[in-house]
Amino acid sequence: DIVTAAPVHEFGDERVGPPIARPH
């Protein structure tokens, strides 16, 4: 539901981080 209402952008040259925050 959040994705449905979220703004959509095109990928650029922005850094891709790890897909999860630092885990326990």
PDBML (XML) file of the C-alpha atoms, coordinates in Angstrom:
<?xml version="1.0" encoding="UTF-8" ?>
<PDBx:datablock datablockName="MODEL"
   xmlns:PDBx="http://pdbml.pdb.org/schema/pdbx-v50.xsd"
   xmlns:xsi="http://www.w3.org/2001/XMLSchema-instance"
   xsi:schemaLocation="http://pdbml.pdb.org/schema/pdbx-v50.xsd pdbx-v50.xsd">
   <PDBx:atom_siteCategory>
      <PDBx:atom_site id="1">
         <PDBx:B_iso_or_equiv>0.00</PDBx:B_iso_or_equiv>
         <PDBx:Cartn_x>0.000</PDBx:Cartn_x>
         <PDBx:Cartn_y>0.000</PDBx:Cartn_y>
         <PDBx:Cartn_z>0.000</PDBx:Cartn_z>
         <PDBx:auth_asym_id>A</PDBx:auth_asym_id>
         <PDBx:auth_atom_id>CA</PDBx:auth_atom_id>
         <PDBx:auth_comp_id>ASP</PDBx:auth_comp_id>
         <PDBx:auth_seq_id>1</PDBx:auth_seq_id>
         <PDBx:group_PDB>ATOM</PDBx:group_PDB>
         <PDBx:label_alt_id xsi:nil="true" />
         <PDBx:label_asym_id>A</PDBx:label_asym_id>
         <PDBx:label_atom_id>CA</PDBx:label_atom_id>
         <PDBx:label_comp_id>ASP</PDBx:label_comp_id>
         <PDBx:label_entity_id>1</PDBx:label_entity_id>
         <PDBx:label_seq_id>1</PDBx:label_seq_id>
         <PDBx:occupancy>1.00</PDBx:occupancy>
         <PDBx:pdbx_PDB_model_num>1</PDBx:pdbx_PDB_model_num>
         <PDBx:type_symbol>C</PDBx:type_symbol>
      </PDBx:atom_site>
      <PDBx:atom_site id="2">
         <PDBx:B_iso_or_equiv>0.00</PDBx:B_iso_or_equiv>
         <PDBx:Cartn_x>2.886</PDBx:Cartn_x>
         <PDBx:Cartn_y>2.366</PDBx:Cartn_y>
         <PDBx:Cartn_z>0.727</PDBx:Cartn_z>
         <PDBx:auth_asym_id>A</PDBx:auth_asym_id>
         <PDBx:auth_atom_id>CA</PDBx:auth_atom_id>
         <PDBx:auth_comp_id>ILE</PDBx:auth_comp_id>
         <PDBx:auth_seq_id>2</PDBx:auth_seq_id>
         <PDBx:group_PDB>ATOM</PDBx:group_PDB>
         <PDBx:label_alt_id xsi:nil="true" />
         <PDBx:label_asym_id>A</PDBx:label_asym_id>
         <PDBx:label_atom_id>CA</PDBx:label_atom_id>
         <PDBx:label_comp_id>ILE</PDBx:label_comp_id>
         <PDBx:label_entity_id>1</PDBx:label_entity_id>
         <PDBx:label_seq_id>2</PDBx:label_seq_id>
         <PDBx:occupancy>1.00</PDBx:occupancy>
         <PDBx:pdbx_PDB_model_num>1</PDBx:pdbx_PDB_model_num>
         <PDBx:type_symbol>C</PDBx:type_symbol>
      </PDBx:atom_site>
      <PDBx:atom_site id="3">
         <PDBx:B_iso_or_equiv>0.00</PDBx:B_iso_or_equiv>
         <PDBx:Cartn_x>4.452</PDBx:Cartn_x>
         <PDBx:Cartn_y>1.657</PDBx:Cartn_y>
         <PDBx:Cartn_z>-2.666</PDBx:Cartn_z>
         <PDBx:auth_asym_id>A</PDBx:auth_asym_id>
         <PDBx:auth_atom_id>CA</PDBx:auth_atom_id>
         <PDBx:auth_comp_id>VAL</PDBx:auth_comp_id>
         <PDBx:auth_seq_id>3</PDBx:auth_seq_id>
         <PDBx:group_PDB>ATOM</PDBx:group_PDB>
         <PDBx:label_alt_id xsi:nil="true" />
         <PDBx:label_asym_id>A</PDBx:label_asym_id>
         <PDBx:label_atom_id>CA</PDBx:label_atom_id>
         <PDBx:label_comp_id>VAL</PDBx:label_comp_id>
         <PDBx:label_entity_id>1</PDBx:label_entity_id>
         <PDBx:label_seq_id>3</PDBx:label_seq_id>
         <PDBx:occupancy>1.00</PDBx:occupancy>
         <PDBx:pdbx_PDB_model_num>1</PDBx:pdbx_PDB_model_num>
         <PDBx:type_symbol>C</PDBx:type_symbol>
      </PDBx:atom_site>
      <PDBx:atom_site id="4">
         <PDBx:B_iso_or_equiv>0.00</PDBx:B_iso_or_equiv>
         <PDBx:Cartn_x>1.176</PDBx:Cartn_x>
         <PDBx:Cartn_y>2.430</PDBx:Cartn_y>
         <PDBx:Cartn_z>-4.445</PDBx:Cartn_z>
         <PDBx:auth_asym_id>A</PDBx:auth_asym_id>
         <PDBx:auth_atom_id>CA</PDBx:auth_atom_id>
         <PDBx:auth_comp_id>THR</PDBx:auth_comp_id>
         <PDBx:auth_seq_id>4</PDBx:auth_seq_id>
         <PDBx:group_PDB>ATOM</PDBx:group_PDB>
         <PDBx:label_alt_id xsi:nil="true" />
         <PDBx:label_asym_id>A</PDBx:label_asym_id>
         <PDBx:label_atom_id>CA</PDBx:label_atom_id>
         <PDBx:label_comp_id>THR</PDBx:label_comp_id>
         <PDBx:label_entity_id>1</PDBx:label_entity_id>
         <PDBx:label_seq_id>4</PDBx:label_seq_id>
         <PDBx:occupancy>1.00</PDBx:occupancy>
         <PDBx:pdbx_PDB_model_num>1</PDBx:pdbx_PDB_model_num>
         <PDBx:type_symbol>C</PDBx:type_symbol>
      </PDBx:atom_site>
      <PDBx:atom_site id="5">
         <PDBx:B_iso_or_equiv>0.00</PDBx:B_iso_or_equiv>
         <PDBx:Cartn_x>1.174</PDBx:Cartn_x>
         <PDBx:Cartn_y>5.966</PDBx:Cartn_y>
         <PDBx:Cartn_z>-3.059</PDBx:Cartn_z>
         <PDBx:auth_asym_id>A</PDBx:auth_asym_id>
         <PDBx:auth_atom_id>CA</PDBx:auth_atom_id>
         <PDBx:auth_comp_id>ALA</PDBx:auth_comp_id>
         <PDBx:auth_seq_id>5</PDBx:auth_seq_id>
         <PDBx:group_PDB>ATOM</PDBx:group_PDB>
         <PDBx:label_alt_id xsi:nil="true" />
         <PDBx:label_asym_id>A</PDBx:label_asym_id>
         <PDBx:label_atom_id>CA</PDBx:label_atom_id>
         <PDBx:label_comp_id>ALA</PDBx:label_comp_id>
         <PDBx:label_entity_id>1</PDBx:label_entity_id>
         <PDBx:label_seq_id>5</PDBx:label_seq_id>
         <PDBx:occupancy>1.00</PDBx:occupancy>
         <PDBx:pdbx_PDB_model_num>1</PDBx:pdbx_PDB_model_num>
         <PDBx:type_symbol>C</PDBx:type_symbol>
      </PDBx:atom_site>
      <PDBx:atom_site id="6">
         <PDBx:B_iso_or_equiv>0.00</PDBx:B_iso_or_equiv>
         <PDBx:Cartn_x>4.935</PDBx:Cartn_x>
         <PDBx:Cartn_y>6.583</PDBx:Cartn_y>
         <PDBx:Cartn_z>-3.185</PDBx:Cartn_z>
         <PDBx:auth_asym_id>A</PDBx:auth_asym_id>
         <PDBx:auth_atom_id>CA</PDBx:auth_atom_id>
         <PDBx:auth_comp_id>ALA</PDBx:auth_comp_id>
         <PDBx:auth_seq_id>6</PDBx:auth_seq_id>
         <PDBx:group_PDB>ATOM</PDBx:group_PDB>
         <PDBx:label_alt_id xsi:nil="true" />
         <PDBx:label_asym_id>A</PDBx:label_asym_id>
         <PDBx:label_atom_id>CA</PDBx:label_atom_id>
         <PDBx:label_comp_id>ALA</PDBx:label_comp_id>
         <PDBx:label_entity_id>1</PDBx:label_entity_id>
         <PDBx:label_seq_id>6</PDBx:label_seq_id>
         <PDBx:occupancy>1.00</PDBx:occupancy>
         <PDBx:pdbx_PDB_model_num>1</PDBx:pdbx_PDB_model_num>
         <PDBx:type_symbol>C</PDBx:type_symbol>
      </PDBx:atom_site>
      <PDBx:atom_site id="7">
         <PDBx:B_iso_or_equiv>0.00</PDBx:B_iso_or_equiv>
         <PDBx:Cartn_x>6.644</PDBx:Cartn_x>
         <PDBx:Cartn_y>8.871</PDBx:Cartn_y>
         <PDBx:Cartn_z>-5.725</PDBx:Cartn_z>
         <PDBx:auth_asym_id>A</PDBx:auth_asym_id>
         <PDBx:auth_atom_id>CA</PDBx:auth_atom_id>
         <PDBx:auth_comp_id>PRO</PDBx:auth_comp_id>
         <PDBx:auth_seq_id>7</PDBx:auth_seq_id>
         <PDBx:group_PDB>ATOM</PDBx:group_PDB>
         <PDBx:label_alt_id xsi:nil="true" />
         <PDBx:label_asym_id>A</PDBx:label_asym_id>
         <PDBx:label_atom_id>CA</PDBx:label_atom_id>
         <PDBx:label_comp_id>PRO</PDBx:label_comp_id>
         <PDBx:label_entity_id>1</PDBx:label_entity_id>
         <PDBx:label_seq_id>7</PDBx:label_seq_id>
         <PDBx:occupancy>1.00</PDBx:occupancy>
         <PDBx:pdbx_PDB_model_num>1</PDBx:pdbx_PDB_model_num>
         <PDBx:type_symbol>C</PDBx:type_symbol>
      </PDBx:atom_site>
      <PDBx:atom_site id="8">
         <PDBx:B_iso_or_equiv>0.00</PDBx:B_iso_or_equiv>
         <PDBx:Cartn_x>8.322</PDBx:Cartn_x>
         <PDBx:Cartn_y>7.026</PDBx:Cartn_y>
         <PDBx:Cartn_z>-8.600</PDBx:Cartn_z>
         <PDBx:auth_asym_id>A</PDBx:auth_asym_id>
         <PDBx:auth_atom_id>CA</PDBx:auth_atom_id>
         <PDBx:auth_comp_id>VAL</PDBx:auth_comp_id>
         <PDBx:auth_seq_id>8</PDBx:auth_seq_id>
         <PDBx:group_PDB>ATOM</PDBx:group_PDB>
         <PDBx:label_alt_id xsi:nil="true" />
         <PDBx:label_asym_id>A</PDBx:label_asym_id>
         <PDBx:label_atom_id>CA</PDBx:label_atom_id>
         <PDBx:label_comp_id>VAL</PDBx:label_comp_id>
         <PDBx:label_entity_id>1</PDBx:label_entity_id>
         <PDBx:label_seq_id>8</PDBx:label_seq_id>
         <PDBx:occupancy>1.00</PDBx:occupancy>
         <PDBx:pdbx_PDB_model_num>1</PDBx:pdbx_PDB_model_num>
         <PDBx:type_symbol>C</PDBx:type_symbol>
      </PDBx:atom_site>
      <PDBx:atom_site id="9">
         <PDBx:B_iso_or_equiv>0.00</PDBx:B_iso_or_equiv>
         <PDBx:Cartn_x>11.771</PDBx:Cartn_x>
         <PDBx:Cartn_y>7.952</PDBx:Cartn_y>
         <PDBx:Cartn_z>-9.899</PDBx:Cartn_z>
         <PDBx:auth_asym_id>A</PDBx:auth_asym_id>
         <PDBx:auth_atom_id>CA</PDBx:auth_atom_id>
         <PDBx:auth_comp_id>HIS</PDBx:auth_comp_id>
         <PDBx:auth_seq_id>9</PDBx:auth_seq_id>
         <PDBx:group_PDB>ATOM</PDBx:group_PDB>
         <PDBx:label_alt_id xsi:nil="true" />
         <PDBx:label_asym_id>A</PDBx:label_asym_id>
         <PDBx:label_atom_id>CA</PDBx:label_atom_id>
         <PDBx:label_comp_id>HIS</PDBx:label_comp_id>
         <PDBx:label_entity_id>1</PDBx:label_entity_id>
         <PDBx:label_seq_id>9</PDBx:label_seq_id>
         <PDBx:occupancy>1.00</PDBx:occupancy>
         <PDBx:pdbx_PDB_model_num>1</PDBx:pdbx_PDB_model_num>
         <PDBx:type_symbol>C</PDBx:type_symbol>
      </PDBx:atom_site>
      <PDBx:atom_site id="10">
         <PDBx:B_iso_or_equiv>0.00</PDBx:B_iso_or_equiv>
         <PDBx:Cartn_x>14.252</PDBx:Cartn_x>
         <PDBx:Cartn_y>6.688</PDBx:Cartn_y>
         <PDBx:Cartn_z>-12.449</PDBx:Cartn_z>
         <PDBx:auth_asym_id>A</PDBx:auth_asym_id>
         <PDBx:auth_atom_id>CA</PDBx:auth_atom_id>
         <PDBx:auth_comp_id>GLU</PDBx:auth_comp_id>
         <PDBx:auth_seq_id>10</PDBx:auth_seq_id>
         <PDBx:group_PDB>ATOM</PDBx:group_PDB>
         <PDBx:label_alt_id xsi:nil="true" />
         <PDBx:label_asym_id>A</PDBx:label_asym_id>
         <PDBx:label_atom_id>CA</PDBx:label_atom_id>
         <PDBx:label_comp_id>GLU</PDBx:label_comp_id>
         <PDBx:label_entity_id>1</PDBx:label_entity_id>
         <PDBx:label_seq_id>10</PDBx:label_seq_id>
         <PDBx:occupancy>1.00</PDBx:occupancy>
         <PDBx:pdbx_PDB_model_num>1</PDBx:pdbx_PDB_model_num>
         <PDBx:type_symbol>C</PDBx:type_symbol>
      </PDBx:atom_site>
      <PDBx:atom_site id="11">
         <PDBx:B_iso_or_equiv>0.00</PDBx:B_iso_or_equiv>
         <PDBx:Cartn_x>17.523</PDBx:Cartn_x>
         <PDBx:Cartn_y>5.191</PDBx:Cartn_y>
         <PDBx:Cartn_z>-11.311</PDBx:Cartn_z>
         <PDBx:auth_asym_id>A</PDBx:auth_asym_id>
         <PDBx:auth_atom_id>CA</PDBx:auth_atom_id>
         <PDBx:auth_comp_id>PHE</PDBx:auth_comp_id>
         <PDBx:auth_seq_id>11</PDBx:auth_seq_id>
         <PDBx:group_PDB>ATOM</PDBx:group_PDB>
         <PDBx:label_alt_id xsi:nil="true" />
         <PDBx:label_asym_id>A</PDBx:label_asym_id>
         <PDBx:label_atom_id>CA</PDBx:label_atom_id>
         <PDBx:label_comp_id>PHE</PDBx:label_comp_id>
         <PDBx:label_entity_id>1</PDBx:label_entity_id>
         <PDBx:label_seq_id>11</PDBx:label_seq_id>
         <PDBx:occupancy>1.00</PDBx:occupancy>
         <PDBx:pdbx_PDB_model_num>1</PDBx:pdbx_PDB_model_num>
         <PDBx:type_symbol>C</PDBx:type_symbol>
      </PDBx:atom_site>
      <PDBx:atom_site id="12">
         <PDBx:B_iso_or_equiv>0.00</PDBx:B_iso_or_equiv>
         <PDBx:Cartn_x>20.525</PDBx:Cartn_x>
         <PDBx:Cartn_y>7.455</PDBx:Cartn_y>
         <PDBx:Cartn_z>-11.824</PDBx:Cartn_z>
         <PDBx:auth_asym_id>A</PDBx:auth_asym_id>
         <PDBx:auth_atom_id>CA</PDBx:auth_atom_id>
         <PDBx:auth_comp_id>GLY</PDBx:auth_comp_id>
         <PDBx:auth_seq_id>12</PDBx:auth_seq_id>
         <PDBx:group_PDB>ATOM</PDBx:group_PDB>
         <PDBx:label_alt_id xsi:nil="true" />
         <PDBx:label_asym_id>A</PDBx:label_asym_id>
         <PDBx:label_atom_id>CA</PDBx:label_atom_id>
         <PDBx:label_comp_id>GLY</PDBx:label_comp_id>
         <PDBx:label_entity_id>1</PDBx:label_entity_id>
         <PDBx:label_seq_id>12</PDBx:label_seq_id>
         <PDBx:occupancy>1.00</PDBx:occupancy>
         <PDBx:pdbx_PDB_model_num>1</PDBx:pdbx_PDB_model_num>
         <PDBx:type_symbol>C</PDBx:type_symbol>
      </PDBx:atom_site>
      <PDBx:atom_site id="13">
         <PDBx:B_iso_or_equiv>0.00</PDBx:B_iso_or_equiv>
         <PDBx:Cartn_x>24.129</PDBx:Cartn_x>
         <PDBx:Cartn_y>7.255</PDBx:Cartn_y>
         <PDBx:Cartn_z>-10.716</PDBx:Cartn_z>
         <PDBx:auth_asym_id>A</PDBx:auth_asym_id>
         <PDBx:auth_atom_id>CA</PDBx:auth_atom_id>
         <PDBx:auth_comp_id>ASP</PDBx:auth_comp_id>
         <PDBx:auth_seq_id>13</PDBx:auth_seq_id>
         <PDBx:group_PDB>ATOM</PDBx:group_PDB>
         <PDBx:label_alt_id xsi:nil="true" />
         <PDBx:label_asym_id>A</PDBx:label_asym_id>
         <PDBx:label_atom_id>CA</PDBx:label_atom_id>
         <PDBx:label_comp_id>ASP</PDBx:label_comp_id>
         <PDBx:label_entity_id>1</PDBx:label_entity_id>
         <PDBx:label_seq_id>13</PDBx:label_seq_id>
         <PDBx:occupancy>1.00</PDBx:occupancy>
         <PDBx:pdbx_PDB_model_num>1</PDBx:pdbx_PDB_model_num>
         <PDBx:type_symbol>C</PDBx:type_symbol>
      </PDBx:atom_site>
      <PDBx:atom_site id="14">
         <PDBx:B_iso_or_equiv>0.00</PDBx:B_iso_or_equiv>
         <PDBx:Cartn_x>23.296</PDBx:Cartn_x>
         <PDBx:Cartn_y>7.334</PDBx:Cartn_y>
         <PDBx:Cartn_z>-7.014</PDBx:Cartn_z>
         <PDBx:auth_asym_id>A</PDBx:auth_asym_id>
         <PDBx:auth_atom_id>CA</PDBx:auth_atom_id>
         <PDBx:auth_comp_id>GLU</PDBx:auth_comp_id>
         <PDBx:auth_seq_id>14</PDBx:auth_seq_id>
         <PDBx:group_PDB>ATOM</PDBx:group_PDB>
         <PDBx:label_alt_id xsi:nil="true" />
         <PDBx:label_asym_id>A</PDBx:label_asym_id>
         <PDBx:label_atom_id>CA</PDBx:label_atom_id>
         <PDBx:label_comp_id>GLU</PDBx:label_comp_id>
         <PDBx:label_entity_id>1</PDBx:label_entity_id>
         <PDBx:label_seq_id>14</PDBx:label_seq_id>
         <PDBx:occupancy>1.00</PDBx:occupancy>
         <PDBx:pdbx_PDB_model_num>1</PDBx:pdbx_PDB_model_num>
         <PDBx:type_symbol>C</PDBx:type_symbol>
      </PDBx:atom_site>
      <PDBx:atom_site id="15">
         <PDBx:B_iso_or_equiv>0.00</PDBx:B_iso_or_equiv>
         <PDBx:Cartn_x>25.149</PDBx:Cartn_x>
         <PDBx:Cartn_y>4.863</PDBx:Cartn_y>
         <PDBx:Cartn_z>-4.804</PDBx:Cartn_z>
         <PDBx:auth_asym_id>A</PDBx:auth_asym_id>
         <PDBx:auth_atom_id>CA</PDBx:auth_atom_id>
         <PDBx:auth_comp_id>ARG</PDBx:auth_comp_id>
         <PDBx:auth_seq_id>15</PDBx:auth_seq_id>
         <PDBx:group_PDB>ATOM</PDBx:group_PDB>
         <PDBx:label_alt_id xsi:nil="true" />
         <PDBx:label_asym_id>A</PDBx:label_asym_id>
         <PDBx:label_atom_id>CA</PDBx:label_atom_id>
         <PDBx:label_comp_id>ARG</PDBx:label_comp_id>
         <PDBx:label_entity_id>1</PDBx:label_entity_id>
         <PDBx:label_seq_id>15</PDBx:label_seq_id>
         <PDBx:occupancy>1.00</PDBx:occupancy>
         <PDBx:pdbx_PDB_model_num>1</PDBx:pdbx_PDB_model_num>
         <PDBx:type_symbol>C</PDBx:type_symbol>
      </PDBx:atom_site>
      <PDBx:atom_site id="16">
         <PDBx:B_iso_or_equiv>0.00</PDBx:B_iso_or_equiv>
         <PDBx:Cartn_x>23.359</PDBx:Cartn_x>
         <PDBx:Cartn_y>1.586</PDBx:Cartn_y>
         <PDBx:Cartn_z>-4.071</PDBx:Cartn_z>
         <PDBx:auth_asym_id>A</PDBx:auth_asym_id>
         <PDBx:auth_atom_id>CA</PDBx:auth_atom_id>
         <PDBx:auth_comp_id>VAL</PDBx:auth_comp_id>
         <PDBx:auth_seq_id>16</PDBx:auth_seq_id>
         <PDBx:group_PDB>ATOM</PDBx:group_PDB>
         <PDBx:label_alt_id xsi:nil="true" />
         <PDBx:label_asym_id>A</PDBx:label_asym_id>
         <PDBx:label_atom_id>CA</PDBx:label_atom_id>
         <PDBx:label_comp_id>VAL</PDBx:label_comp_id>
         <PDBx:label_entity_id>1</PDBx:label_entity_id>
         <PDBx:label_seq_id>16</PDBx:label_seq_id>
         <PDBx:occupancy>1.00</PDBx:occupancy>
         <PDBx:pdbx_PDB_model_num>1</PDBx:pdbx_PDB_model_num>
         <PDBx:type_symbol>C</PDBx:type_symbol>
      </PDBx:atom_site>
      <PDBx:atom_site id="17">
         <PDBx:B_iso_or_equiv>0.00</PDBx:B_iso_or_equiv>
         <PDBx:Cartn_x>23.755</PDBx:Cartn_x>
         <PDBx:Cartn_y>0.638</PDBx:Cartn_y>
         <PDBx:Cartn_z>-0.424</PDBx:Cartn_z>
         <PDBx:auth_asym_id>A</PDBx:auth_asym_id>
         <PDBx:auth_atom_id>CA</PDBx:auth_atom_id>
         <PDBx:auth_comp_id>GLY</PDBx:auth_comp_id>
         <PDBx:auth_seq_id>17</PDBx:auth_seq_id>
         <PDBx:group_PDB>ATOM</PDBx:group_PDB>
         <PDBx:label_alt_id xsi:nil="true" />
         <PDBx:label_asym_id>A</PDBx:label_asym_id>
         <PDBx:label_atom_id>CA</PDBx:label_atom_id>
         <PDBx:label_comp_id>GLY</PDBx:label_comp_id>
         <PDBx:label_entity_id>1</PDBx:label_entity_id>
         <PDBx:label_seq_id>17</PDBx:label_seq_id>
         <PDBx:occupancy>1.00</PDBx:occupancy>
         <PDBx:pdbx_PDB_model_num>1</PDBx:pdbx_PDB_model_num>
         <PDBx:type_symbol>C</PDBx:type_symbol>
      </PDBx:atom_site>
      <PDBx:atom_site id="18">
         <PDBx:B_iso_or_equiv>0.00</PDBx:B_iso_or_equiv>
         <PDBx:Cartn_x>23.152</PDBx:Cartn_x>
         <PDBx:Cartn_y>-2.724</PDBx:Cartn_y>
         <PDBx:Cartn_z>1.222</PDBx:Cartn_z>
         <PDBx:auth_asym_id>A</PDBx:auth_asym_id>
         <PDBx:auth_atom_id>CA</PDBx:auth_atom_id>
         <PDBx:auth_comp_id>PRO</PDBx:auth_comp_id>
         <PDBx:auth_seq_id>18</PDBx:auth_seq_id>
         <PDBx:group_PDB>ATOM</PDBx:group_PDB>
         <PDBx:label_alt_id xsi:nil="true" />
         <PDBx:label_asym_id>A</PDBx:label_asym_id>
         <PDBx:label_atom_id>CA</PDBx:label_atom_id>
         <PDBx:label_comp_id>PRO</PDBx:label_comp_id>
         <PDBx:label_entity_id>1</PDBx:label_entity_id>
         <PDBx:label_seq_id>18</PDBx:label_seq_id>
         <PDBx:occupancy>1.00</PDBx:occupancy>
         <PDBx:pdbx_PDB_model_num>1</PDBx:pdbx_PDB_model_num>
         <PDBx:type_symbol>C</PDBx:type_symbol>
      </PDBx:atom_site>
      <PDBx:atom_site id="19">
         <PDBx:B_iso_or_equiv>0.00</PDBx:B_iso_or_equiv>
         <PDBx:Cartn_x>19.409</PDBx:Cartn_x>
         <PDBx:Cartn_y>-3.477</PDBx:Cartn_y>
         <PDBx:Cartn_z>1.028</PDBx:Cartn_z>
         <PDBx:auth_asym_id>A</PDBx:auth_asym_id>
         <PDBx:auth_atom_id>CA</PDBx:auth_atom_id>
         <PDBx:auth_comp_id>PRO</PDBx:auth_comp_id>
         <PDBx:auth_seq_id>19</PDBx:auth_seq_id>
         <PDBx:group_PDB>ATOM</PDBx:group_PDB>
         <PDBx:label_alt_id xsi:nil="true" />
         <PDBx:label_asym_id>A</PDBx:label_asym_id>
         <PDBx:label_atom_id>CA</PDBx:label_atom_id>
         <PDBx:label_comp_id>PRO</PDBx:label_comp_id>
         <PDBx:label_entity_id>1</PDBx:label_entity_id>
         <PDBx:label_seq_id>19</PDBx:label_seq_id>
         <PDBx:occupancy>1.00</PDBx:occupancy>
         <PDBx:pdbx_PDB_model_num>1</PDBx:pdbx_PDB_model_num>
         <PDBx:type_symbol>C</PDBx:type_symbol>
      </PDBx:atom_site>
      <PDBx:atom_site id="20">
         <PDBx:B_iso_or_equiv>0.00</PDBx:B_iso_or_equiv>
         <PDBx:Cartn_x>19.079</PDBx:Cartn_x>
         <PDBx:Cartn_y>-3.734</PDBx:Cartn_y>
         <PDBx:Cartn_z>4.819</PDBx:Cartn_z>
         <PDBx:auth_asym_id>A</PDBx:auth_asym_id>
         <PDBx:auth_atom_id>CA</PDBx:auth_atom_id>
         <PDBx:auth_comp_id>ILE</PDBx:auth_comp_id>
         <PDBx:auth_seq_id>20</PDBx:auth_seq_id>
         <PDBx:group_PDB>ATOM</PDBx:group_PDB>
         <PDBx:label_alt_id xsi:nil="true" />
         <PDBx:label_asym_id>A</PDBx:label_asym_id>
         <PDBx:label_atom_id>CA</PDBx:label_atom_id>
         <PDBx:label_comp_id>ILE</PDBx:label_comp_id>
         <PDBx:label_entity_id>1</PDBx:label_entity_id>
         <PDBx:label_seq_id>20</PDBx:label_seq_id>
         <PDBx:occupancy>1.00</PDBx:occupancy>
         <PDBx:pdbx_PDB_model_num>1</PDBx:pdbx_PDB_model_num>
         <PDBx:type_symbol>C</PDBx:type_symbol>
      </PDBx:atom_site>
      <PDBx:atom_site id="21">
         <PDBx:B_iso_or_equiv>0.00</PDBx:B_iso_or_equiv>
         <PDBx:Cartn_x>20.393</PDBx:Cartn_x>
         <PDBx:Cartn_y>-1.504</PDBx:Cartn_y>
         <PDBx:Cartn_z>7.578</PDBx:Cartn_z>
         <PDBx:auth_asym_id>A</PDBx:auth_asym_id>
         <PDBx:auth_atom_id>CA</PDBx:auth_atom_id>
         <PDBx:auth_comp_id>ALA</PDBx:auth_comp_id>
         <PDBx:auth_seq_id>21</PDBx:auth_seq_id>
         <PDBx:group_PDB>ATOM</PDBx:group_PDB>
         <PDBx:label_alt_id xsi:nil="true" />
         <PDBx:label_asym_id>A</PDBx:label_asym_id>
         <PDBx:label_atom_id>CA</PDBx:label_atom_id>
         <PDBx:label_comp_id>ALA</PDBx:label_comp_id>
         <PDBx:label_entity_id>1</PDBx:label_entity_id>
         <PDBx:label_seq_id>21</PDBx:label_seq_id>
         <PDBx:occupancy>1.00</PDBx:occupancy>
         <PDBx:pdbx_PDB_model_num>1</PDBx:pdbx_PDB_model_num>
         <PDBx:type_symbol>C</PDBx:type_symbol>
      </PDBx:atom_site>
      <PDBx:atom_site id="22">
         <PDBx:B_iso_or_equiv>0.00</PDBx:B_iso_or_equiv>
         <PDBx:Cartn_x>23.187</PDBx:Cartn_x>
         <PDBx:Cartn_y>-2.777</PDBx:Cartn_y>
         <PDBx:Cartn_z>9.794</PDBx:Cartn_z>
         <PDBx:auth_asym_id>A</PDBx:auth_asym_id>
         <PDBx:auth_atom_id>CA</PDBx:auth_atom_id>
         <PDBx:auth_comp_id>ARG</PDBx:auth_comp_id>
         <PDBx:auth_seq_id>22</PDBx:auth_seq_id>
         <PDBx:group_PDB>ATOM</PDBx:group_PDB>
         <PDBx:label_alt_id xsi:nil="true" />
         <PDBx:label_asym_id>A</PDBx:label_asym_id>
         <PDBx:label_atom_id>CA</PDBx:label_atom_id>
         <PDBx:label_comp_id>ARG</PDBx:label_comp_id>
         <PDBx:label_entity_id>1</PDBx:label_entity_id>
         <PDBx:label_seq_id>22</PDBx:label_seq_id>
         <PDBx:occupancy>1.00</PDBx:occupancy>
         <PDBx:pdbx_PDB_model_num>1</PDBx:pdbx_PDB_model_num>
         <PDBx:type_symbol>C</PDBx:type_symbol>
      </PDBx:atom_site>
      <PDBx:atom_site id="23">
         <PDBx:B_iso_or_equiv>0.00</PDBx:B_iso_or_equiv>
         <PDBx:Cartn_x>21.786</PDBx:Cartn_x>
         <PDBx:Cartn_y>-5.949</PDBx:Cartn_y>
         <PDBx:Cartn_z>11.370</PDBx:Cartn_z>
         <PDBx:auth_asym_id>A</PDBx:auth_asym_id>
         <PDBx:auth_atom_id>CA</PDBx:auth_atom_id>
         <PDBx:auth_comp_id>PRO</PDBx:auth_comp_id>
         <PDBx:auth_seq_id>23</PDBx:auth_seq_id>
         <PDBx:group_PDB>ATOM</PDBx:group_PDB>
         <PDBx:label_alt_id xsi:nil="true" />
         <PDBx:label_asym_id>A</PDBx:label_asym_id>
         <PDBx:label_atom_id>CA</PDBx:label_atom_id>
         <PDBx:label_comp_id>PRO</PDBx:label_comp_id>
         <PDBx:label_entity_id>1</PDBx:label_entity_id>
         <PDBx:label_seq_id>23</PDBx:label_seq_id>
         <PDBx:occupancy>1.00</PDBx:occupancy>
         <PDBx:pdbx_PDB_model_num>1</PDBx:pdbx_PDB_model_num>
         <PDBx:type_symbol>C</PDBx:type_symbol>
      </PDBx:atom_site>
      <PDBx:atom_site id="24">
         <PDBx:B_iso_or_equiv>0.00</PDBx:B_iso_or_equiv>
         <PDBx:Cartn_x>21.870</PDBx:Cartn_x>
         <PDBx:Cartn_y>-7.050</PDBx:Cartn_y>
         <PDBx:Cartn_z>14.987</PDBx:Cartn_z>
         <PDBx:auth_asym_id>A</PDBx:auth_asym_id>
         <PDBx:auth_atom_id>CA</PDBx:auth_atom_id>
         <PDBx:auth_comp_id>HIS</PDBx:auth_comp_id>
         <PDBx:auth_seq_id>24</PDBx:auth_seq_id>
         <PDBx:group_PDB>ATOM</PDBx:group_PDB>
         <PDBx:label_alt_id xsi:nil="true" />
         <PDBx:label_asym_id>A</PDBx:label_asym_id>
         <PDBx:label_atom_id>CA</PDBx:label_atom_id>
         <PDBx:label_comp_id>HIS</PDBx:label_comp_id>
         <PDBx:label_entity_id>1</PDBx:label_entity_id>
         <PDBx:label_seq_id>24</PDBx:label_seq_id>
         <PDBx:occupancy>1.00</PDBx:occupancy>
         <PDBx:pdbx_PDB_model_num>1</PDBx:pdbx_PDB_model_num>
         <PDBx:type_symbol>C</PDBx:type_symbol>
      </PDBx:atom_site>
   </PDBx:atom_siteCategory>
</PDBx:datablock>
